[in-house]
Amino acid sequence: MTDTPDFRPFETHLDEAAALQQVRAATAGADDGELFLERRRSEALVFDDGRIKTASYDAVEGFGLRAVNGETAGYAHSTEISEAALKRAVDTARLAVGDGGGTLAAAPQGTNRRLYTDADPMADAGFGLKVETLREIDAFARDLDPRVIQVSATLAASLQEVVILRPDGLLTSDTRPMTRLNVSVIVEENGRRESGMAGGGGRTGLTGLIDPAHWKATAREALRIALVNLRAVPAPAGEMEVALGAGWPGILLHEAVGHGLEGDFNRKKTSAFAGLMGQQVAAKGVTVLDDGTIPDRRGSITVDDEGTPSSKTVLIEDGILVGYMQDRQNARLMGVAPTGNGRRESFAHIPMPRMTNTYMLAGDADPGAIVADLKDGIYAVGFGGGQVDITSGKFVFSCTEAYRVKNGVVGDPVKGATLIGDGPTAMRQIRAIGNDMALDPGIGNCGKNGQWVPVGVGQPTLLMGGLTVGGSAAG
């Protein structure tokens, strides 16, 4: 795979001048549109129960052609990159344009910025080294503790190459690497089994992930979480204060607040934050950003999938709603500038406003003091799945690592805890903000309208009041 040539569709598949003519034909009389070409290659190796369970390699390429007229978009896509396929796509895309009457939006501003390497991460190590690394992880984790009965380790890498051609002739490209290592451990004691998982990655090569210092720390963390769960007691139930740890618990912020601050939901007035621009929507001291410009992060993008450079967008500043995340269509319809948040899962999907790396800035409180101030509640430091209703802001999250706290003393770990609340209320009930803001280790994926994209989250330690804890024990 080291000799795989760069993705250059206008040298290998299409004549650029002819393609531009087709894009202009599709978007004549439209407000916006583009030709999005993509090649994506990916591999994944899973070592489970002492053997290689799966080893996969996938390669796909294709294009998507879009024409936008007002609130309507026509979209056609194909896995065949050819002039004939493009001509067929023009007819479909033009269905949204009708009689036209639109004025083509100005092109995105170009950028020479690079936020990550464009090297192929799959070429960082040979197949044999990858397998041996996974085998060593398995053996190492089993040797850590005699209670370990099963280990699963996954090593994955991909390279996405995109080229975007606009009707004004602007040509933009981006090469996006992604790597990830996950380790899962199951332990057993006295007939009880529990699991723990750790991992992460980003837009980097594989070299750092397969370094023994890194994967040993990851295996130890997975085991630590499993052993914590092994002694966990049933979670209490009822309304109580909750302290959230730094880093990955920012996923609650992502779901409960982030989606509600995406431009399309607010333009359509289906967000709990619609119409609240300039108003107090969170406690004083709360500042939330979406930042796609952090080098090497999982959610970062040099340019979005419309060709707009990513940006650092302030959404909430000192508790005041000051911005939304925008793609080009929603920005134009709302009379504001795009923020570089137009993202799509692949060439087969239409772009829409999506988060990149969404996080809350640090405050000035000592994290230890925040937990010590918790009189009767839960200290949650790990989260699993969650869901949110955008219109109401109501959310439900399951905790993967949480502890009972009484009178400032951290007690037993609890299992089966869920956090229930609504985003706008939860944001107003933040009572303390730690000075320890951290980003997640690079494990986030975000779903919206059936599309999945990689994202990042982050936050400092927080103290929140008034959340409902769902559990099976008396409070």
Protein backbone atom coordinates (compact mmCIF):
# COMPACT_ATOMS: atom_id res chain seq x y z
CA MET A 1 0.00 0.00 0.00
CA THR A 2 3.00 2.32 0.22
CA ASP A 3 3.03 2.74 -3.55
CA THR A 4 -0.65 3.70 -3.85
CA PRO A 5 -0.75 6.94 -5.87
CA ASP A 6 -2.49 10.04 -4.61
CA PHE A 7 -6.16 10.48 -5.49
CA ARG A 8 -6.14 12.70 -8.59
CA PRO A 9 -9.53 12.22 -10.24
CA PHE A 10 -8.95 14.90 -12.87
CA GLU A 11 -5.90 13.03 -14.10
CA THR A 12 -7.29 9.50 -13.93
CA HIS A 13 -11.09 9.71 -14.27
CA LEU A 14 -12.33 13.05 -15.55
CA ASP A 15 -11.25 16.00 -17.64
CA GLU A 16 -11.37 18.99 -15.28
CA ALA A 17 -12.71 21.45 -17.87
CA ALA A 18 -15.46 19.04 -18.92
CA ALA A 19 -16.36 18.32 -15.30
CA LEU A 20 -16.56 22.03 -14.53
CA GLN A 21 -18.93 22.47 -17.45
CA GLN A 22 -21.20 19.76 -15.99
CA VAL A 23 -21.09 21.31 -12.51
CA ARG A 24 -22.07 24.67 -14.00
CA ALA A 25 -24.90 23.01 -15.91
CA ALA A 26 -26.19 21.44 -12.68
CA THR A 27 -26.04 24.69 -10.71
CA ALA A 28 -27.19 27.22 -13.34
CA GLY A 29 -29.73 29.41 -11.57
CA ALA A 30 -28.96 27.80 -8.22
CA ASP A 31 -27.71 29.41 -5.00
CA ASP A 32 -24.88 26.95 -4.42
CA GLY A 33 -23.53 23.54 -5.24
CA GLU A 34 -20.41 21.50 -5.77
CA LEU A 35 -18.90 18.28 -7.04
CA PHE A 36 -17.50 16.25 -4.16
CA LEU A 37 -15.10 13.44 -5.12
CA GLU A 38 -13.76 10.97 -2.59
CA ARG A 39 -11.54 7.96 -2.19
CA ARG A 40 -11.45 6.19 1.16
CA ARG A 41 -9.26 3.24 2.12
CA SER A 42 -9.44 1.57 5.52
CA GLU A 43 -8.26 -1.48 7.39
CA ALA A 44 -9.09 -3.02 10.76
CA LEU A 45 -7.61 -5.93 12.69
CA VAL A 46 -9.41 -7.47 15.66
CA PHE A 47 -7.58 -9.82 18.03
CA ASP A 48 -10.09 -11.57 20.25
CA ASP A 49 -9.86 -14.49 22.64
CA GLY A 50 -6.26 -15.26 21.71
CA ARG A 51 -6.50 -15.17 17.93
CA ILE A 52 -7.08 -12.85 14.98
CA LYS A 53 -10.85 -12.71 14.67
CA THR A 54 -11.11 -10.40 11.66
CA ALA A 55 -8.72 -8.67 9.31
CA SER A 56 -10.39 -6.41 6.80
CA TYR A 57 -9.39 -3.96 4.12
CA ASP A 58 -11.83 -1.77 2.23
CA ALA A 59 -11.48 0.72 -0.61
CA VAL A 60 -14.25 2.82 -2.12
CA GLU A 61 -14.44 5.88 -4.32
CA GLY A 62 -17.17 7.95 -5.88
CA PHE A 63 -18.67 11.39 -6.26
CA GLY A 64 -21.63 13.42 -5.08
CA LEU A 65 -23.11 16.30 -7.10
CA ARG A 66 -25.27 18.89 -5.35
CA ALA A 67 -27.34 21.86 -6.51
CA VAL A 68 -28.96 24.10 -3.86
CA ASN A 69 -31.91 26.40 -4.44
CA GLY A 70 -33.23 28.14 -1.33
CA GLU A 71 -34.07 25.47 1.24
CA THR A 72 -34.07 22.69 -1.36
CA ALA A 73 -31.10 20.64 -2.47
CA GLY A 74 -30.84 18.17 -5.33
CA TYR A 75 -28.24 15.46 -4.83
CA ALA A 76 -26.95 12.57 -6.90
CA HIS A 77 -24.03 10.25 -6.19
CA SER A 78 -22.24 7.39 -7.87
CA THR A 79 -19.43 4.92 -7.25
CA GLU A 80 -18.48 5.33 -10.90
CA ILE A 81 -16.35 8.41 -11.49
CA SER A 82 -16.84 9.03 -15.19
CA GLU A 83 -18.16 11.69 -17.52
CA ALA A 84 -21.19 9.55 -18.33
CA ALA A 85 -22.08 9.10 -14.66
CA LEU A 86 -21.57 12.80 -14.01
CA LYS A 87 -23.87 13.75 -16.88
CA ARG A 88 -26.58 11.47 -15.45
CA ALA A 89 -26.14 13.09 -12.05
CA VAL A 90 -26.68 16.56 -13.51
CA ASP A 91 -30.27 15.72 -14.44
CA THR A 92 -31.06 14.61 -10.89
CA ALA A 93 -29.38 17.54 -9.18
CA ARG A 94 -31.18 20.03 -11.41
CA LEU A 95 -34.57 18.84 -10.19
CA ALA A 96 -34.06 21.05 -7.14
CA VAL A 97 -33.21 24.12 -9.21
CA GLY A 98 -36.36 24.25 -11.32
CA ASP A 99 -36.62 27.59 -13.10
CA GLY A 100 -33.65 28.88 -11.15
CA GLY A 101 -33.59 32.50 -10.11
CA GLY A 102 -30.84 32.02 -7.54
CA THR A 103 -27.58 33.89 -7.24
CA LEU A 104 -24.50 31.74 -6.83
CA ALA A 105 -22.97 32.22 -3.39
CA ALA A 106 -19.39 33.42 -3.13
CA ALA A 107 -16.71 30.74 -2.99
CA PRO A 108 -15.16 29.77 0.36
CA GLN A 109 -11.94 31.47 1.29
CA GLY A 110 -8.94 29.28 0.55
CA THR A 111 -6.41 28.09 3.09
CA ASN A 112 -2.87 26.70 3.04
CA ARG A 113 -3.20 25.47 6.62
CA ARG A 114 -2.51 21.81 7.35
CA LEU A 115 -3.82 20.34 10.61
CA TYR A 116 -2.56 16.78 10.15
CA THR A 117 -0.27 14.64 8.07
CA ASP A 118 -1.31 13.50 4.61
CA ALA A 119 0.74 10.31 4.88
CA ASP A 120 -1.03 6.96 4.65
CA PRO A 121 -1.24 5.61 8.23
CA MET A 122 -1.81 2.07 6.97
CA ALA A 123 1.74 2.11 5.61
CA ASP A 124 3.32 2.88 9.00
CA ALA A 125 3.71 -0.79 9.88
CA GLY A 126 3.55 -4.10 8.06
CA PHE A 127 0.77 -6.60 8.60
CA GLY A 128 3.02 -8.85 10.65
CA LEU A 129 3.97 -6.08 13.08
CA LYS A 130 0.33 -5.11 13.55
CA VAL A 131 -0.65 -8.69 14.34
CA GLU A 132 2.28 -9.12 16.70
CA THR A 133 1.38 -5.91 18.51
CA LEU A 134 -2.17 -7.12 19.07
CA ARG A 135 -0.84 -10.49 20.27
CA GLU A 136 1.43 -8.72 22.76
CA ILE A 137 -1.45 -6.60 24.02
CA ASP A 138 -3.47 -9.75 24.64
CA ALA A 139 -0.64 -11.46 26.53
CA PHE A 140 0.22 -8.33 28.52
CA ALA A 141 -3.37 -7.74 29.66
CA ARG A 142 -3.78 -11.36 30.74
CA ASP A 143 -0.55 -11.21 32.75
CA LEU A 144 -1.67 -8.08 34.60
CA ASP A 145 -4.26 -9.86 36.71
CA PRO A 146 -5.33 -13.51 37.09
CA ARG A 147 -8.98 -12.42 37.01
CA VAL A 148 -8.70 -11.47 33.32
CA ILE A 149 -10.57 -14.10 31.29
CA GLN A 150 -10.88 -12.38 27.92
CA VAL A 151 -9.11 -9.65 25.99
CA SER A 152 -10.10 -7.98 22.74
CA ALA A 153 -7.86 -5.48 20.93
CA THR A 154 -8.62 -3.58 17.75
CA LEU A 155 -6.25 -1.62 15.55
CA ALA A 156 -7.81 0.47 12.79
CA ALA A 157 -6.55 3.00 10.25
CA SER A 158 -7.99 4.84 7.28
CA LEU A 159 -7.19 7.51 4.74
CA GLN A 160 -9.90 9.70 3.22
CA GLU A 161 -8.96 11.81 0.19
CA VAL A 162 -11.44 14.43 -1.03
CA VAL A 163 -11.48 16.85 -3.95
CA ILE A 164 -14.17 19.55 -4.23
CA LEU A 165 -14.91 21.41 -7.45
CA ARG A 166 -17.24 24.41 -7.34
CA PRO A 167 -19.05 26.01 -10.31
CA ASP A 168 -16.87 29.11 -9.96
CA GLY A 169 -13.86 26.90 -10.69
CA LEU A 170 -12.44 26.77 -7.17
CA LEU A 171 -10.72 23.43 -6.58
CA THR A 172 -10.09 22.31 -3.00
CA SER A 173 -8.58 19.07 -1.71
CA ASP A 174 -7.91 17.48 1.66
CA THR A 175 -6.26 14.23 2.75
CA ARG A 176 -7.49 13.00 6.13
CA PRO A 177 -5.82 10.18 8.06
CA MET A 178 -7.43 8.43 11.03
CA THR A 179 -6.13 5.82 13.45
CA ARG A 180 -7.45 4.16 16.57
CA LEU A 181 -6.53 1.50 19.13
CA ASN A 182 -9.13 -0.06 21.44
CA VAL A 183 -8.57 -2.58 24.22
CA SER A 184 -11.41 -4.36 26.02
CA VAL A 185 -10.95 -6.59 29.07
CA ILE A 186 -13.36 -8.94 30.84
CA VAL A 187 -12.64 -10.01 34.41
CA GLU A 188 -14.30 -12.63 36.59
CA GLU A 189 -14.39 -13.08 40.35
CA ASN A 190 -16.72 -15.32 42.37
CA GLY A 191 -18.92 -15.90 39.34
CA ARG A 192 -19.33 -12.19 38.58
CA ARG A 193 -18.08 -10.82 35.27
CA GLU A 194 -17.45 -7.19 34.38
CA SER A 195 -15.76 -5.42 31.51
CA GLY A 196 -13.67 -2.34 30.91
CA MET A 197 -12.61 -0.61 27.73
CA ALA A 198 -10.04 2.04 26.86
CA GLY A 199 -8.58 3.44 23.70
CA GLY A 200 -8.27 6.42 21.44
CA GLY A 201 -6.54 7.85 18.45
CA GLY A 202 -6.77 10.75 16.04
CA ARG A 203 -5.62 12.10 12.71
CA THR A 204 -2.12 10.74 13.14
CA GLY A 205 -0.05 7.77 12.05
CA LEU A 206 -0.08 4.36 13.71
CA THR A 207 3.43 4.68 15.12
CA GLY A 208 2.42 6.25 18.41
CA LEU A 209 -0.46 3.84 18.97
CA ILE A 210 1.65 0.71 18.52
CA ASP A 211 4.43 2.01 20.77
CA PRO A 212 4.55 -0.33 23.82
CA ALA A 213 4.44 2.60 26.24
CA HIS A 214 1.11 3.65 24.74
CA TRP A 215 -0.64 0.31 24.40
CA LYS A 216 0.48 -0.88 27.82
CA ALA A 217 -1.07 2.22 29.40
CA THR A 218 -4.25 1.59 27.39
CA ALA A 219 -4.44 -2.04 28.55
CA ARG A 220 -3.91 -1.02 32.18
CA GLU A 221 -6.70 1.53 31.92
CA ALA A 222 -9.12 -1.02 30.46
CA LEU A 223 -8.28 -3.40 33.32
CA ARG A 224 -8.66 -0.66 35.92
CA ILE A 225 -12.18 0.14 34.71
CA ALA A 226 -13.13 -3.55 34.67
CA LEU A 227 -11.91 -4.01 38.25
CA VAL A 228 -13.80 -0.89 39.34
CA ASN A 229 -16.97 -2.33 37.87
CA LEU A 230 -16.27 -5.66 39.58
CA ARG A 231 -16.83 -4.04 42.98
CA ALA A 232 -19.60 -1.67 41.92
CA VAL A 233 -22.89 -1.61 43.80
CA PRO A 234 -26.32 -0.78 42.35
CA ALA A 235 -26.69 2.92 41.58
CA PRO A 236 -29.11 5.01 43.63
CA ALA A 237 -32.15 6.65 42.07
CA GLY A 238 -33.53 10.13 42.50
CA GLU A 239 -32.74 13.77 41.92
CA MET A 240 -29.30 14.74 43.16
CA GLU A 241 -26.19 16.73 42.44
CA VAL A 242 -23.72 15.28 39.95
CA ALA A 243 -20.03 15.98 39.48
CA LEU A 244 -18.76 15.23 35.99
CA GLY A 245 -15.12 14.39 35.37
CA ALA A 246 -12.93 16.17 32.83
CA GLY A 247 -12.48 15.01 29.23
CA TRP A 248 -14.77 12.32 27.80
CA PRO A 249 -17.78 13.30 30.00
CA GLY A 250 -17.99 16.24 27.58
CA ILE A 251 -20.04 13.82 25.47
CA LEU A 252 -22.98 14.93 27.61
CA LEU A 253 -22.29 18.52 26.54
CA HIS A 254 -22.03 17.36 22.92
CA GLU A 255 -25.43 15.68 22.96
CA ALA A 256 -27.41 17.85 25.35
CA VAL A 257 -26.22 21.20 23.99
CA GLY A 258 -24.10 20.75 20.88
CA HIS A 259 -26.75 19.34 18.56
CA GLY A 260 -29.15 22.06 19.65
CA LEU A 261 -26.65 24.68 18.48
CA GLU A 262 -26.36 23.35 14.92
CA GLY A 263 -27.67 25.85 12.39
CA ASP A 264 -30.31 23.74 10.64
CA PHE A 265 -32.21 22.94 13.83
CA ASN A 266 -32.31 26.63 14.72
CA ARG A 267 -33.30 27.81 11.26
CA LYS A 268 -36.19 25.35 11.34
CA LYS A 269 -36.93 26.33 14.97
CA THR A 270 -36.82 22.71 16.12
CA SER A 271 -34.03 23.31 18.65
CA ALA A 272 -34.58 24.08 22.31
CA PHE A 273 -32.20 27.02 21.74
CA ALA A 274 -34.04 28.49 18.72
CA GLY A 275 -34.68 32.22 19.03
CA LEU A 276 -32.43 32.63 22.08
CA MET A 277 -29.47 34.33 20.43
CA GLY A 278 -27.99 36.93 22.78
CA GLN A 279 -29.82 35.52 25.79
CA GLN A 280 -28.54 33.79 28.92
CA VAL A 281 -28.76 30.05 28.24
CA ALA A 282 -26.18 28.76 30.73
CA ALA A 283 -24.68 29.66 34.08
CA LYS A 284 -22.22 32.53 34.29
CA GLY A 285 -18.71 31.37 33.49
CA VAL A 286 -19.83 28.77 30.96
CA THR A 287 -18.11 29.19 27.59
CA VAL A 288 -18.59 26.53 24.92
CA LEU A 289 -16.72 26.33 21.62
CA ASP A 290 -16.69 24.15 18.53
CA ASP A 291 -13.15 24.05 17.20
CA GLY A 292 -12.19 22.12 14.08
CA THR A 293 -8.69 23.63 13.99
CA ILE A 294 -6.92 21.62 16.72
CA PRO A 295 -4.01 19.76 15.11
CA ASP A 296 -4.26 15.95 14.87
CA ARG A 297 -7.57 15.70 16.74
CA ARG A 298 -10.19 13.16 15.72
CA GLY A 299 -12.84 15.81 15.05
CA SER A 300 -10.58 18.27 13.24
CA ILE A 301 -10.83 19.08 9.54
CA THR A 302 -8.60 21.38 7.52
CA VAL A 303 -11.60 22.21 5.36
CA ASP A 304 -15.15 20.98 5.70
CA ASP A 305 -16.93 18.93 3.05
CA GLU A 306 -18.01 22.06 1.17
CA GLY A 307 -14.47 23.44 1.02
CA THR A 308 -14.84 26.00 3.81
CA PRO A 309 -11.83 26.16 6.15
CA SER A 310 -12.67 24.92 9.64
CA SER A 311 -12.84 27.49 12.41
CA LYS A 312 -12.91 28.05 16.14
CA THR A 313 -16.52 29.06 16.78
CA VAL A 314 -17.71 30.43 20.12
CA LEU A 315 -21.22 29.12 20.76
CA ILE A 316 -21.85 30.18 24.36
CA GLU A 317 -19.80 32.91 26.01
CA ASP A 318 -20.05 33.47 29.76
CA GLY A 319 -23.47 31.86 29.64
CA ILE A 320 -24.75 33.93 26.68
CA LEU A 321 -25.71 32.27 23.39
CA VAL A 322 -23.56 33.97 20.75
CA GLY A 323 -23.32 31.58 17.80
CA TYR A 324 -24.45 28.51 15.91
CA MET A 325 -22.52 26.01 13.80
CA GLN A 326 -23.23 26.61 10.12
CA ASP A 327 -22.80 25.00 6.75
CA ARG A 328 -23.10 27.16 3.62
CA GLN A 329 -26.81 26.64 3.02
CA ASN A 330 -27.98 27.41 6.55
CA ALA A 331 -25.58 30.32 6.87
CA ARG A 332 -26.96 31.92 3.72
CA LEU A 333 -30.57 31.40 4.78
CA MET A 334 -29.87 32.82 8.24
CA GLY A 335 -27.84 35.74 6.94
CA VAL A 336 -24.58 34.82 8.66
CA ALA A 337 -21.17 33.52 7.64
CA PRO A 338 -20.40 29.78 7.28
CA THR A 339 -18.33 28.38 10.14
CA GLY A 340 -16.74 25.41 8.38
CA ASN A 341 -19.16 22.87 9.89
CA GLY A 342 -20.60 21.47 6.64
CA ARG A 343 -19.85 17.77 7.01
CA ARG A 344 -20.95 14.53 5.35
CA GLU A 345 -20.25 10.88 6.06
CA SER A 346 -19.16 10.17 2.49
CA PHE A 347 -19.74 11.08 -1.15
CA ALA A 348 -23.07 9.26 -0.88
CA HIS A 349 -24.37 11.78 1.67
CA ILE A 350 -25.41 15.41 1.52
CA PRO A 351 -23.57 17.87 3.82
CA MET A 352 -25.23 19.47 6.83
CA PRO A 353 -24.14 21.39 9.96
CA ARG A 354 -22.18 19.05 12.22
CA MET A 355 -19.90 19.40 15.22
CA THR A 356 -16.11 18.96 15.06
CA ASN A 357 -14.43 19.23 18.50
CA THR A 358 -16.94 20.68 20.97
CA TYR A 359 -15.77 21.61 24.44
CA MET A 360 -16.24 23.88 27.45
CA LEU A 361 -13.44 26.15 28.59
CA ALA A 362 -11.91 25.74 32.04
CA GLY A 363 -12.96 27.74 35.08
CA ASP A 364 -10.95 28.47 38.21
CA ALA A 365 -12.23 25.86 40.67
CA ASP A 366 -10.03 23.09 42.03
CA PRO A 367 -11.39 19.72 40.82
CA GLY A 368 -10.82 18.12 44.21
CA ALA A 369 -12.75 20.90 45.90
CA ILE A 370 -15.65 20.43 43.49
CA VAL A 371 -16.02 16.78 44.47
CA ALA A 372 -15.52 17.66 48.15
CA ASP A 373 -18.45 20.09 47.93
CA LEU A 374 -20.74 17.31 46.74
CA LYS A 375 -22.99 16.55 49.71
CA ASP A 376 -25.09 13.75 48.31
CA GLY A 377 -24.71 12.68 44.71
CA ILE A 378 -22.79 10.94 41.96
CA TYR A 379 -19.30 11.52 40.56
CA ALA A 380 -19.42 10.37 36.93
CA VAL A 381 -16.15 10.04 35.01
CA GLY A 382 -17.06 7.65 32.18
CA PHE A 383 -20.03 7.52 29.81
CA GLY A 384 -21.41 5.06 27.32
CA GLY A 385 -24.37 5.59 25.04
CA GLY A 386 -26.78 8.49 25.22
CA GLN A 387 -29.60 10.09 23.34
CA VAL A 388 -31.21 13.52 23.15
CA ASP A 389 -34.42 15.02 21.86
CA ILE A 390 -33.35 18.15 19.98
CA THR A 391 -36.67 19.97 20.34
CA SER A 392 -36.98 19.62 24.10
CA GLY A 393 -33.30 19.16 24.92
CA LYS A 394 -34.10 16.14 27.09
CA PHE A 395 -31.28 13.62 27.36
CA VAL A 396 -30.51 10.21 28.85
CA PHE A 397 -26.93 8.97 29.37
CA SER A 398 -25.54 5.75 30.80
CA CYS A 399 -22.47 5.90 33.03
CA THR A 400 -19.66 3.40 32.54
CA GLU A 401 -17.69 4.60 35.58
CA ALA A 402 -19.32 6.48 38.45
CA TYR A 403 -19.05 6.73 42.22
CA ARG A 404 -21.37 7.49 45.12
CA VAL A 405 -20.40 10.62 47.02
CA LYS A 406 -21.68 11.64 50.46
CA ASN A 407 -20.46 14.66 52.39
CA GLY A 408 -17.58 15.10 49.97
CA VAL A 409 -16.26 11.55 50.40
CA VAL A 410 -16.00 9.39 47.30
CA GLY A 411 -17.44 5.98 48.14
CA ASP A 412 -18.29 2.81 46.26
CA PRO A 413 -18.41 2.69 42.48
CA VAL A 414 -21.94 2.26 41.18
CA LYS A 415 -23.27 0.40 38.17
CA GLY A 416 -26.44 0.90 36.18
CA ALA A 417 -26.47 4.67 36.66
CA THR A 418 -28.16 6.85 34.06
CA LEU A 419 -28.28 10.64 34.02
CA ILE A 420 -31.57 12.20 32.96
CA GLY A 421 -32.26 15.87 32.34
CA ASP A 422 -32.57 18.51 29.66
CA GLY A 423 -29.78 20.54 28.14
CA PRO A 424 -31.02 24.10 28.74
CA THR A 425 -31.84 23.39 32.39
CA ALA A 426 -28.63 21.47 33.01
CA MET A 427 -26.54 24.30 31.60
CA ARG A 428 -28.17 26.80 33.94
CA GLN A 429 -27.53 24.56 36.93
CA ILE A 430 -23.75 24.35 36.56
CA ARG A 431 -22.50 25.42 39.97
CA ALA A 432 -18.74 25.01 39.65
CA ILE A 433 -16.28 24.79 36.75
CA GLY A 434 -12.88 23.16 37.26
CA ASN A 435 -9.52 24.42 36.06
CA ASP A 436 -8.69 21.07 34.44
CA MET A 437 -10.24 21.19 30.95
CA ALA A 438 -9.25 18.11 28.96
CA LEU A 439 -10.18 16.67 25.60
CA ASP A 440 -11.28 13.07 25.13
CA PRO A 441 -8.70 10.48 24.03
CA GLY A 442 -10.07 10.33 20.47
CA ILE A 443 -13.01 7.95 20.56
CA GLY A 444 -16.04 10.03 19.54
CA ASN A 445 -18.49 9.33 16.73
CA CYS A 446 -21.59 11.41 16.12
CA GLY A 447 -24.80 10.36 14.42
CA LYS A 448 -27.29 12.69 12.76
CA ASN A 449 -29.94 11.89 10.15
CA GLY A 450 -28.35 8.51 9.55
CA GLN A 451 -24.86 9.91 8.96
CA TRP A 452 -21.83 9.24 11.17
CA VAL A 453 -18.75 11.45 11.43
CA PRO A 454 -15.77 11.47 13.83
CA VAL A 455 -15.88 14.14 16.53
CA GLY A 456 -14.08 15.27 19.65
CA VAL A 457 -15.42 16.46 23.00
CA GLY A 458 -13.98 17.99 26.13
CA GLN A 459 -14.71 19.80 29.37
CA PRO A 460 -13.33 20.49 32.83
CA THR A 461 -14.68 18.91 36.01
CA LEU A 462 -18.19 20.26 36.59
CA LEU A 463 -20.71 20.35 39.42
CA MET A 464 -24.31 20.25 38.22
CA GLY A 465 -27.47 20.33 40.27
CA GLY A 466 -30.92 18.99 39.68
CA LEU A 467 -30.16 16.00 37.47
CA THR A 468 -32.18 12.85 37.86
CA VAL A 469 -30.13 9.70 38.45
CA GLY A 470 -31.73 6.51 37.30
CA GLY A 471 -30.68 3.43 39.25
CA SER A 472 -31.95 0.35 41.04
CA ALA A 473 -31.09 1.22 44.65
CA ALA A 474 -32.77 3.61 47.05
CA GLY A 475 -31.22 7.06 47.09
